[in-house]
Amino acid sequence: MKSHLPAAVALISMLAVSCGAEKSTPEPRVNEVVILINNFGEKVFISDDPASWVDKNLVARVNNGTKATIEEIYKAAITPDYTIMRLKVNTNNPTYTGWVHSFDAGYSTEKEK
């Protein structure tokens, strides 16, 4: 059975970029402070697993506009032409550490060259 996940991830990434979420900085950097924004809802989901956003992996749901510091960057090839990027972040007040989609921090998903 063919998975529709790559197409769904690509669509979400394109929509995030078209909503103006993409930063002018081409690549995120460790220790960079970002503002988390979900262009499709009121909360940004933080997961303990960079590859899963099911309920058992959710650490928190934080409000749009929450500041976070990037601790780590994760990339995984979905197809030969498409790579997803996840950012491990740390928020304060309250403090949460976990993974967010790169587009929730203003970065478009990177396409391999």
Protein backbone atom coordinates (compact mmCIF):
# COMPACT_ATOMS: atom_id res chain seq x y z
CA MET A 1 0.00 0.00 0.00
CA LYS A 2 1.41 3.36 -1.03
CA SER A 3 1.88 5.95 1.72
CA HIS A 4 0.49 9.44 1.25
CA LEU A 5 2.77 10.83 3.95
CA PRO A 6 5.40 12.37 1.64
CA ALA A 7 2.74 14.22 -0.33
CA ALA A 8 1.05 15.42 2.86
CA VAL A 9 4.33 16.64 4.34
CA ALA A 10 5.17 18.45 1.10
CA LEU A 11 1.74 20.11 1.01
CA ILE A 12 1.97 21.28 4.62
CA SER A 13 5.46 22.67 4.03
CA MET A 14 4.38 24.52 0.89
CA LEU A 15 1.37 25.98 2.69
CA ALA A 16 3.52 27.14 5.60
CA VAL A 17 5.88 28.90 3.20
CA SER A 18 3.01 30.46 1.26
CA CYS A 19 1.62 31.83 4.54
CA GLY A 20 4.80 33.81 4.99
CA ALA A 21 6.34 31.53 7.61
CA GLU A 22 9.70 31.11 5.89
CA LYS A 23 12.65 33.00 7.39
CA SER A 24 15.16 34.86 5.30
CA THR A 25 17.89 32.80 7.01
CA PRO A 26 18.21 29.69 4.83
CA GLU A 27 19.22 27.32 7.65
CA PRO A 28 18.37 27.28 11.35
CA ARG A 29 21.27 27.46 13.80
CA VAL A 30 21.79 25.80 17.18
CA ASN A 31 21.27 28.36 20.00
CA GLU A 32 19.14 30.57 17.74
CA VAL A 33 16.01 31.97 19.39
CA VAL A 34 12.86 31.48 17.29
CA ILE A 35 9.18 32.33 17.67
CA LEU A 36 6.94 29.26 17.35
CA ILE A 37 3.84 29.80 15.20
CA ASN A 38 1.38 27.24 13.86
CA ASN A 39 -0.22 28.82 10.79
CA PHE A 40 -3.07 26.30 10.96
CA GLY A 41 -4.08 26.52 14.62
CA GLU A 42 -3.60 28.21 17.98
CA LYS A 43 -0.99 25.81 19.40
CA VAL A 44 2.39 24.40 18.36
CA PHE A 45 2.84 20.76 19.28
CA ILE A 46 6.13 19.69 20.88
CA SER A 47 7.05 16.01 20.63
CA ASP A 48 9.62 13.84 22.40
CA ASP A 49 10.30 12.07 19.07
CA PRO A 50 11.31 13.95 15.89
CA ALA A 51 9.43 11.41 13.76
CA SER A 52 6.14 11.18 15.66
CA TRP A 53 3.38 13.54 16.74
CA VAL A 54 0.93 10.98 18.13
CA ASP A 55 -0.58 11.78 21.54
CA LYS A 56 1.79 9.52 23.49
CA ASN A 57 4.78 11.51 22.14
CA LEU A 58 3.42 15.00 22.76
CA VAL A 59 5.29 16.83 25.51
CA ALA A 60 3.29 20.04 25.24
CA ARG A 61 1.03 22.23 23.17
CA VAL A 62 2.34 25.79 23.43
CA ASN A 63 0.68 29.03 22.36
CA ASN A 64 1.58 30.73 19.11
CA GLY A 65 4.23 33.35 19.79
CA THR A 66 6.16 31.21 22.29
CA LYS A 67 9.91 31.88 22.18
CA ALA A 68 12.18 28.85 21.95
CA THR A 69 15.88 28.16 21.60
CA ILE A 70 17.06 25.62 19.01
CA GLU A 71 19.13 22.87 20.65
CA GLU A 72 19.48 20.38 17.80
CA ILE A 73 18.54 19.95 14.12
CA TYR A 74 17.23 16.69 12.66
CA LYS A 75 16.86 15.91 8.96
CA ALA A 76 15.45 12.80 7.32
CA ALA A 77 14.92 11.94 3.65
CA ILE A 78 11.29 11.15 2.90
CA THR A 79 11.91 10.54 -0.79
CA PRO A 80 15.08 10.91 -2.89
CA ASP A 81 14.03 14.50 -3.66
CA TYR A 82 12.52 15.55 -0.35
CA THR A 83 13.93 15.97 3.16
CA ILE A 84 12.07 16.94 6.31
CA MET A 85 13.66 19.04 9.01
CA ARG A 86 12.79 19.03 12.70
CA LEU A 87 14.17 21.31 15.40
CA LYS A 88 14.73 20.32 19.02
CA VAL A 89 13.77 23.37 21.05
CA ASN A 90 13.68 24.51 24.63
CA THR A 91 10.98 26.92 25.80
CA ASN A 92 10.88 28.93 29.02
CA ASN A 93 7.96 29.85 31.23
CA PRO A 94 6.95 27.06 31.28
CA THR A 95 10.00 25.03 30.32
CA TYR A 96 9.56 22.30 27.70
CA THR A 97 12.15 20.51 25.61
CA GLY A 98 11.20 18.60 22.48
CA TRP A 99 10.87 18.57 18.73
CA VAL A 100 8.86 20.89 16.47
CA HIS A 101 8.33 20.95 12.72
CA SER A 102 10.79 23.35 11.10
CA PHE A 103 7.93 25.35 9.56
CA ASP A 104 6.54 26.04 13.06
CA ALA A 105 9.80 27.92 13.72
CA GLY A 106 9.65 29.81 10.41
CA TYR A 107 11.84 27.55 8.26
CA SER A 108 10.68 25.85 5.10
CA THR A 109 11.41 22.18 4.62
CA GLU A 110 14.67 21.75 2.78
CA LYS A 111 14.68 20.14 -0.64
CA GLU A 112 17.72 18.13 -1.54
CA LYS A 113 19.73 19.26 -4.52
